[in-house]
Amino acid sequence: MRTISCVSALAIVIAAICLSSADEKSAQDRKAPAPAAQRSDKSGVGTAAGKAAKPAQPTETRDKKADGVVVDESTTPDKYAADREAIVASAEAFVAAYVARDASAIAALFAPDAEYVDENGKVSQGRKEIERTLKEFFENHDAARIEMEIDSLRFLRPDLAVEDGATTCYPTTVGASHHSRYTAIHTKIDGKWLVASVREHGAHGQRVRAAQLRQLDWLVGDWIDQDDDSVVHFQCNYSGDGNFLIRNFTVSVAGAKVISGTQRIGWDPSIGKLRAWTFDSDGGHFDGIWAFDGERWILTSSGITSDGRAASGVSIFTPVNRHSMTWQAVNRQLDGMRLPDSEEFALVRMGPAPGNGEKSDGDKN
């Protein structure tokens, strides 16, 4: 643990937080929205473990839609209930096999002459080619995982069904995610439901925002860096509408609060990047852009301090594991004058308060 004086701690606070846009210490205690499998009135297949929620079942109300889920218009009991269960089970198996990077198990869910068309129009024809394509992908992405949400499942006839939904793929542990929509056609062959065709389409709207924010899931938690003189504490949560991450920070020196503030992180579709807006308790405000360089997340920020001076800086966040990260502020300027880079700080995730019966986000699967 480092040892610094109150004076140097204060300098670090002002330079690293205010001038580098206060979100330089990516410490966050945010609770992510419930996995798709736990959301009410929303059919979904999500989570790395492959747990899935069932598609909406027919109700007594005709032509009803709830939370974007198309509900069957039938007023009679669902004669396809068992078939729905089988298709959802297949989706669960797909997610589990994907996380296990088992290309053979995934290919077995497809019909022998099935086709897969990605959003760029590339076609993989037949079960063997689909398996080969998956193997190549997994060889280059050894930490890949995927999440799925089934929006609708319609039966055109007893042996043919159409599924519409969305996927979010995470090729690496902390890297950028890839999101898309899809349409899958299922066919029943010899009593077993198999995938006959999958076509991907570009995702949009709320799904894009949610998928992009999930790139920063590694920030989840209650983070702290402290020594005998100073304490830097960050928390983060999703906003109520799920469109933003809200991070709160407090810096104390010798037991007295020096500065605090709030940062809001969201997806900016006009530039296709994650953006951060930071406001500190002294009246300063900053605007920043997030980027991933393959190993680290970099936040480049600029803004105005409380006394009207122009400030800018770059924050480098390096995830070490689920419970720790390092952070450093570099390339800082105040009114055009270059400031020295900060030291590299080590942040650790705090556990839950004793007796609250909850796990820290780092302990969640």
Protein backbone atom coordinates (compact mmCIF):
# COMPACT_ATOMS: atom_id res chain seq x y z
CA MET A 1 0.00 0.00 0.00
CA ARG A 2 1.43 3.40 -0.93
CA THR A 3 2.17 6.14 1.61
CA ILE A 4 1.56 9.76 0.64
CA SER A 5 1.21 13.00 2.52
CA CYS A 6 -2.01 15.01 2.70
CA VAL A 7 -0.53 17.61 0.37
CA SER A 8 0.49 15.09 -2.27
CA ALA A 9 -2.79 13.22 -1.88
CA LEU A 10 -4.68 16.42 -2.54
CA ALA A 11 -2.56 17.11 -5.60
CA ILE A 12 -3.36 13.62 -6.88
CA VAL A 13 -7.04 14.20 -6.28
CA ILE A 14 -7.20 17.52 -8.09
CA ALA A 15 -5.02 16.40 -10.99
CA ALA A 16 -6.35 12.88 -11.35
CA ILE A 17 -10.04 13.43 -10.70
CA CYS A 18 -10.90 16.98 -11.74
CA LEU A 19 -8.41 17.44 -14.53
CA SER A 20 -8.72 13.96 -15.93
CA SER A 21 -12.48 14.12 -15.76
CA ALA A 22 -13.04 12.51 -12.43
CA ASP A 23 -13.84 9.18 -13.82
CA GLU A 24 -10.27 8.24 -13.89
CA LYS A 25 -10.74 5.90 -11.04
CA SER A 26 -13.20 3.46 -12.53
CA ALA A 27 -14.76 2.26 -9.36
CA GLN A 28 -18.34 1.32 -9.55
CA ASP A 29 -20.97 -0.40 -7.57
CA ARG A 30 -23.68 -0.86 -10.06
CA LYS A 31 -26.11 -3.68 -10.19
CA ALA A 32 -26.70 -4.82 -13.74
CA PRO A 33 -30.26 -5.37 -14.91
CA ALA A 34 -31.63 -8.83 -14.26
CA PRO A 35 -30.45 -11.40 -16.82
CA ALA A 36 -32.85 -12.01 -19.65
CA ALA A 37 -33.92 -15.25 -18.04
CA GLN A 38 -35.12 -13.36 -14.97
CA ARG A 39 -37.01 -10.53 -16.63
CA SER A 40 -40.77 -10.70 -16.40
CA ASP A 41 -42.93 -10.65 -19.50
CA LYS A 42 -39.83 -11.00 -21.66
CA SER A 43 -38.77 -14.22 -23.21
CA GLY A 44 -35.04 -14.62 -23.35
CA VAL A 45 -32.07 -16.87 -23.39
CA GLY A 46 -29.22 -15.22 -21.57
CA THR A 47 -26.39 -15.64 -19.10
CA ALA A 48 -23.18 -17.52 -19.63
CA ALA A 49 -24.57 -20.57 -17.90
CA GLY A 50 -27.13 -20.99 -20.63
CA LYS A 51 -30.22 -20.49 -18.47
CA ALA A 52 -33.23 -19.50 -20.50
CA ALA A 53 -36.66 -18.03 -20.02
CA LYS A 54 -39.60 -19.43 -21.88
CA PRO A 55 -41.25 -17.53 -24.72
CA ALA A 56 -44.52 -15.86 -23.79
CA GLN A 57 -47.46 -18.23 -23.64
CA PRO A 58 -50.85 -17.61 -25.25
CA THR A 59 -53.32 -15.64 -23.16
CA GLU A 60 -57.05 -15.02 -23.27
CA THR A 61 -56.48 -11.57 -24.80
CA ARG A 62 -56.27 -11.34 -28.56
CA ASP A 63 -53.55 -9.39 -30.39
CA LYS A 64 -51.83 -8.38 -27.18
CA LYS A 65 -48.25 -7.21 -26.93
CA ALA A 66 -46.36 -6.86 -23.63
CA ASP A 67 -42.89 -5.33 -23.28
CA GLY A 68 -42.13 -5.90 -26.94
CA VAL A 69 -42.95 -9.61 -26.80
CA VAL A 70 -45.42 -10.78 -29.42
CA VAL A 71 -48.06 -12.89 -27.74
CA ASP A 72 -50.01 -15.54 -29.65
CA GLU A 73 -53.50 -14.40 -30.60
CA SER A 74 -54.98 -17.83 -29.94
CA THR A 75 -57.72 -17.99 -27.31
CA THR A 76 -57.30 -21.72 -26.97
CA PRO A 77 -54.71 -23.59 -24.86
CA ASP A 78 -51.27 -23.63 -26.46
CA LYS A 79 -51.09 -26.80 -28.50
CA TYR A 80 -47.41 -26.12 -29.15
CA ALA A 81 -46.38 -25.89 -25.48
CA ALA A 82 -44.15 -28.98 -25.61
CA ASP A 83 -42.57 -27.78 -28.86
CA ARG A 84 -41.82 -24.38 -27.34
CA GLU A 85 -40.11 -26.08 -24.43
CA ALA A 86 -37.99 -28.13 -26.82
CA ILE A 87 -36.89 -25.10 -28.84
CA VAL A 88 -36.03 -23.12 -25.71
CA ALA A 89 -34.04 -26.12 -24.45
CA SER A 90 -32.14 -26.07 -27.74
CA ALA A 91 -31.37 -22.36 -27.23
CA GLU A 92 -30.10 -23.10 -23.72
CA ALA A 93 -27.88 -25.83 -25.10
CA PHE A 94 -26.55 -23.41 -27.71
CA VAL A 95 -25.55 -20.81 -25.08
CA ALA A 96 -23.92 -23.43 -22.85
CA ALA A 97 -21.99 -24.98 -25.75
CA TYR A 98 -20.90 -21.53 -26.92
CA VAL A 99 -19.44 -20.69 -23.50
CA ALA A 100 -17.72 -24.11 -23.50
CA ARG A 101 -16.49 -23.33 -27.07
CA ASP A 102 -17.82 -26.68 -28.20
CA ALA A 103 -18.31 -26.24 -31.93
CA SER A 104 -19.43 -29.85 -32.41
CA ALA A 105 -22.19 -29.54 -29.83
CA ILE A 106 -23.47 -26.37 -31.46
CA ALA A 107 -23.38 -27.87 -34.95
CA ALA A 108 -25.42 -30.84 -33.70
CA LEU A 109 -28.29 -28.43 -33.02
CA PHE A 110 -28.49 -27.66 -36.77
CA ALA A 111 -30.08 -29.72 -39.50
CA PRO A 112 -27.56 -31.49 -41.81
CA ASP A 113 -28.29 -29.08 -44.68
CA ALA A 114 -28.79 -25.98 -42.51
CA GLU A 115 -27.42 -22.57 -43.43
CA TYR A 116 -26.08 -19.70 -41.37
CA VAL A 117 -25.87 -16.18 -42.86
CA ASP A 118 -24.10 -13.52 -40.82
CA GLU A 119 -24.99 -9.83 -40.97
CA ASN A 120 -22.30 -9.26 -43.60
CA GLY A 121 -23.91 -11.81 -45.91
CA LYS A 122 -21.30 -14.55 -45.43
CA VAL A 123 -22.95 -17.97 -45.81
CA SER A 124 -21.96 -21.18 -44.01
CA GLN A 125 -23.80 -24.01 -45.72
CA GLY A 126 -24.36 -27.34 -44.01
CA ARG A 127 -23.67 -28.65 -40.52
CA LYS A 128 -20.00 -29.46 -41.23
CA GLU A 129 -19.21 -26.00 -42.55
CA ILE A 130 -21.02 -24.35 -39.64
CA GLU A 131 -18.91 -26.43 -37.24
CA ARG A 132 -15.71 -25.50 -39.08
CA THR A 133 -16.60 -21.80 -38.95
CA LEU A 134 -17.27 -22.01 -35.22
CA LYS A 135 -14.03 -23.87 -34.53
CA GLU A 136 -12.02 -21.17 -36.27
CA PHE A 137 -13.78 -18.51 -34.24
CA PHE A 138 -13.23 -20.26 -30.91
CA GLU A 139 -9.56 -20.89 -31.69
CA ASN A 140 -9.08 -17.13 -31.92
CA HIS A 141 -11.39 -16.20 -29.02
CA ASP A 142 -10.75 -18.48 -26.06
CA ALA A 143 -12.93 -16.47 -23.66
CA ALA A 144 -15.94 -15.94 -25.91
CA ARG A 145 -19.44 -15.98 -24.47
CA ILE A 146 -22.86 -15.05 -25.77
CA GLU A 147 -26.22 -13.82 -24.52
CA MET A 148 -29.55 -14.35 -26.31
CA GLU A 149 -33.05 -12.98 -26.04
CA ILE A 150 -35.99 -14.60 -27.84
CA ASP A 151 -38.57 -11.95 -28.74
CA SER A 152 -41.05 -14.20 -30.49
CA LEU A 153 -41.57 -17.82 -31.47
CA ARG A 154 -44.26 -18.53 -34.07
CA PHE A 155 -45.41 -21.88 -35.41
CA LEU A 156 -46.29 -21.87 -39.10
CA ARG A 157 -47.22 -25.55 -38.98
CA PRO A 158 -46.60 -28.45 -36.59
CA ASP A 159 -43.09 -29.07 -37.98
CA LEU A 160 -42.00 -25.51 -38.76
CA ALA A 161 -41.38 -22.54 -36.42
CA VAL A 162 -39.87 -19.05 -36.80
CA GLU A 163 -37.89 -17.43 -33.98
CA ASP A 164 -36.89 -13.76 -33.80
CA GLY A 165 -34.47 -12.41 -31.22
CA ALA A 166 -31.15 -10.72 -30.46
CA THR A 167 -27.67 -11.80 -29.45
CA THR A 168 -24.73 -10.09 -27.80
CA CYS A 169 -21.36 -11.75 -28.28
CA TYR A 170 -18.37 -11.04 -26.05
CA PRO A 171 -15.29 -12.29 -27.94
CA THR A 172 -12.91 -11.48 -25.06
CA THR A 173 -13.13 -11.00 -21.29
CA VAL A 174 -13.03 -7.20 -21.25
CA GLY A 175 -13.16 -6.25 -24.93
CA ALA A 176 -15.86 -4.80 -27.10
CA SER A 177 -19.07 -6.75 -27.62
CA HIS A 178 -20.88 -7.48 -30.86
CA HIS A 179 -24.64 -7.27 -31.00
CA SER A 180 -27.10 -8.27 -33.69
CA ARG A 181 -30.64 -9.41 -34.32
CA TYR A 182 -31.49 -12.74 -35.90
CA THR A 183 -34.25 -14.81 -37.44
CA ALA A 184 -34.05 -18.58 -37.00
CA ILE A 185 -36.18 -21.22 -38.71
CA HIS A 186 -36.68 -24.45 -36.80
CA THR A 187 -37.81 -27.69 -38.40
CA LYS A 188 -38.94 -30.89 -36.75
CA ILE A 189 -37.13 -33.93 -38.15
CA ASP A 190 -37.90 -37.41 -36.83
CA GLY A 191 -39.50 -35.87 -33.75
CA LYS A 192 -36.55 -33.58 -32.94
CA TRP A 193 -36.41 -29.81 -33.43
CA LEU A 194 -33.33 -28.65 -35.36
CA VAL A 195 -32.24 -25.27 -36.71
CA ALA A 196 -32.71 -25.11 -40.47
CA SER A 197 -31.61 -21.52 -41.03
CA VAL A 198 -30.22 -18.53 -39.13
CA ARG A 199 -29.88 -15.05 -40.56
CA GLU A 200 -28.36 -12.15 -38.65
CA HIS A 201 -29.35 -8.50 -38.94
CA GLY A 202 -27.90 -5.34 -37.41
CA ALA A 203 -29.22 -4.45 -33.94
CA HIS A 204 -30.66 -1.04 -33.10
CA GLY A 205 -32.15 1.22 -30.45
CA GLN A 206 -32.32 0.09 -26.85
CA ARG A 207 -30.56 -3.18 -27.58
CA VAL A 208 -27.53 -1.37 -28.98
CA ARG A 209 -27.29 0.93 -25.96
CA ALA A 210 -27.62 -1.96 -23.52
CA ALA A 211 -25.09 -4.10 -25.38
CA GLN A 212 -22.53 -1.30 -25.57
CA LEU A 213 -22.85 -0.49 -21.88
CA ARG A 214 -22.26 -4.13 -21.00
CA GLN A 215 -18.74 -3.73 -22.36
CA LEU A 216 -18.00 -1.99 -19.06
CA ASP A 217 -19.44 -4.75 -16.89
CA TRP A 218 -15.96 -5.35 -15.45
CA LEU A 219 -16.40 -2.03 -13.62
CA VAL A 220 -19.29 -3.44 -11.59
CA GLY A 221 -18.69 -3.19 -7.89
CA ASP A 222 -17.75 -1.00 -4.98
CA TRP A 223 -14.11 -0.02 -5.52
CA ILE A 224 -11.58 1.56 -3.16
CA ASP A 225 -7.97 2.69 -2.98
CA GLN A 226 -6.72 3.87 0.39
CA ASP A 227 -3.74 4.33 2.66
CA ASP A 228 -3.17 6.02 6.03
CA ASP A 229 -3.85 9.50 4.64
CA SER A 230 -6.31 9.25 1.77
CA VAL A 231 -9.30 7.25 0.56
CA VAL A 232 -10.67 7.19 -2.99
CA HIS A 233 -14.04 5.48 -3.27
CA PHE A 234 -16.21 4.86 -6.33
CA GLN A 235 -19.63 3.34 -6.79
CA CYS A 236 -21.63 2.71 -9.97
CA ASN A 237 -25.18 1.64 -10.83
CA TYR A 238 -27.38 1.49 -13.88
CA SER A 239 -29.87 4.33 -14.21
CA GLY A 240 -33.48 3.32 -13.67
CA ASP A 241 -34.16 3.20 -17.42
CA GLY A 242 -31.02 1.15 -18.08
CA ASN A 243 -29.67 3.66 -20.61
CA PHE A 244 -26.74 4.88 -18.53
CA LEU A 245 -24.17 3.86 -15.96
CA ILE A 246 -24.05 6.34 -13.08
CA ARG A 247 -20.80 6.49 -11.16
CA ASN A 248 -20.37 8.37 -7.88
CA PHE A 249 -16.96 9.13 -6.41
CA THR A 250 -15.67 10.58 -3.16
CA VAL A 251 -12.10 11.48 -2.22
CA SER A 252 -11.12 12.06 1.40
CA VAL A 253 -7.80 13.17 2.88
CA ALA A 254 -7.06 12.89 6.60
CA GLY A 255 -10.69 11.97 7.19
CA ALA A 256 -12.11 15.06 5.47
CA LYS A 257 -13.90 14.93 2.12
CA VAL A 258 -11.92 16.81 -0.50
CA ILE A 259 -14.09 16.35 -3.54
CA SER A 260 -17.00 14.27 -4.81
CA GLY A 261 -18.94 14.02 -8.01
CA THR A 262 -21.08 12.08 -10.42
CA GLN A 263 -20.37 10.64 -13.84
CA ARG A 264 -22.90 9.40 -16.36
CA ILE A 265 -21.78 6.94 -19.05
CA GLY A 266 -23.88 6.23 -22.11
CA TRP A 267 -23.77 5.19 -25.75
CA ASP A 268 -23.57 8.07 -28.24
CA PRO A 269 -24.99 6.81 -31.57
CA SER A 270 -23.89 9.96 -33.40
CA ILE A 271 -20.22 8.96 -33.02
CA GLY A 272 -20.63 5.25 -32.32
CA LYS A 273 -18.74 5.40 -29.02
CA LEU A 274 -19.27 5.20 -25.27
CA ARG A 275 -19.29 8.66 -23.76
CA ALA A 276 -18.83 9.98 -20.21
CA TRP A 277 -20.16 13.20 -18.69
CA THR A 278 -18.67 14.13 -15.31
CA PHE A 279 -19.70 16.80 -12.79
CA ASP A 280 -17.69 17.44 -9.62
CA SER A 281 -18.79 18.99 -6.35
CA ASP A 282 -16.69 22.13 -6.98
CA GLY A 283 -18.62 22.95 -10.14
CA GLY A 284 -16.29 21.51 -12.77
CA HIS A 285 -17.66 19.55 -15.72
CA PHE A 286 -16.01 17.24 -18.24
CA ASP A 287 -16.80 15.27 -21.39
CA GLY A 288 -14.98 12.06 -22.29
CA ILE A 289 -14.81 9.22 -24.82
CA TRP A 290 -14.08 5.56 -23.97
CA ALA A 291 -11.96 3.32 -26.21
CA PHE A 292 -10.50 -0.19 -25.91
CA ASP A 293 -6.98 -0.89 -27.22
CA GLY A 294 -7.08 -4.67 -26.87
CA GLU A 295 -5.84 -4.80 -23.27
CA ARG A 296 -6.89 -1.58 -21.55
CA TRP A 297 -9.80 0.82 -21.52
CA ILE A 298 -8.79 4.42 -22.21
CA LEU A 299 -10.92 7.44 -21.32
CA THR A 300 -9.92 10.71 -22.99
CA SER A 301 -11.58 13.71 -21.34
CA SER A 302 -11.66 17.49 -21.49
CA GLY A 303 -13.68 20.17 -19.76
CA ILE A 304 -13.74 23.20 -17.52
CA THR A 305 -12.70 23.43 -13.88
CA SER A 306 -14.78 25.32 -11.31
CA ASP A 307 -12.64 28.45 -11.78
CA GLY A 308 -13.05 28.44 -15.57
CA ARG A 309 -9.76 26.90 -16.65
CA ALA A 310 -9.56 24.41 -19.53
CA ALA A 311 -8.47 20.94 -18.43
CA SER A 312 -7.88 17.64 -20.22
CA GLY A 313 -6.38 14.23 -19.57
CA VAL A 314 -6.32 10.53 -20.37
CA SER A 315 -7.27 7.82 -17.88
CA ILE A 316 -5.99 4.29 -18.39
CA PHE A 317 -7.93 1.43 -16.78
CA THR A 318 -6.35 -2.03 -16.82
CA PRO A 319 -8.48 -4.90 -15.46
CA VAL A 320 -6.30 -7.35 -13.55
CA ASN A 321 -9.03 -9.79 -12.54
CA ARG A 322 -12.64 -9.66 -11.39
CA HIS A 323 -11.62 -8.10 -8.10
CA SER A 324 -8.86 -5.67 -9.00
CA MET A 325 -7.75 -3.14 -11.60
CA THR A 326 -5.07 -0.50 -12.02
CA TRP A 327 -5.62 3.09 -13.04
CA GLN A 328 -3.34 5.91 -14.13
CA ALA A 329 -3.90 9.49 -15.34
CA VAL A 330 -1.57 10.63 -18.14
CA ASN A 331 -1.23 13.45 -20.68
CA ARG A 332 -2.88 15.93 -18.32
CA GLN A 333 -3.04 19.62 -19.15
CA LEU A 334 -4.37 22.67 -17.32
CA ASP A 335 -4.76 25.85 -19.37
CA GLY A 336 -2.27 24.46 -21.87
CA MET A 337 0.35 23.57 -19.25
CA ARG A 338 1.43 19.92 -19.08
CA LEU A 339 1.07 18.26 -15.68
CA PRO A 340 3.04 15.18 -14.62
CA ASP A 341 1.48 11.76 -15.02
CA SER A 342 0.01 10.25 -11.88
CA GLU A 343 1.36 7.14 -10.27
CA GLU A 344 -0.40 3.87 -11.09
CA PHE A 345 -3.09 3.14 -8.53
CA ALA A 346 -4.40 -0.29 -7.56
CA LEU A 347 -8.14 -0.49 -6.96
CA VAL A 348 -9.80 -3.43 -5.27
CA ARG A 349 -13.43 -4.44 -5.20
CA MET A 350 -15.05 -4.18 -1.80
CA GLY A 351 -17.28 -6.95 -0.46
CA PRO A 352 -20.88 -6.43 0.70
CA ALA A 353 -21.65 -4.97 4.10
CA PRO A 354 -21.72 -7.67 6.81
CA GLY A 355 -25.11 -9.27 7.29
CA ASN A 356 -26.77 -7.96 4.14
CA GLY A 357 -26.97 -11.46 2.66
CA GLU A 358 -25.72 -10.35 -0.74
CA LYS A 359 -22.70 -11.28 -2.78
CA SER A 360 -20.44 -8.70 -4.26
CA ASP A 361 -20.72 -8.35 -8.02
CA GLY A 362 -17.34 -9.96 -8.34
CA ASP A 363 -18.74 -13.16 -6.82
CA LYS A 364 -21.65 -13.39 -9.20
CA ASN A 365 -21.52 -15.70 -12.16
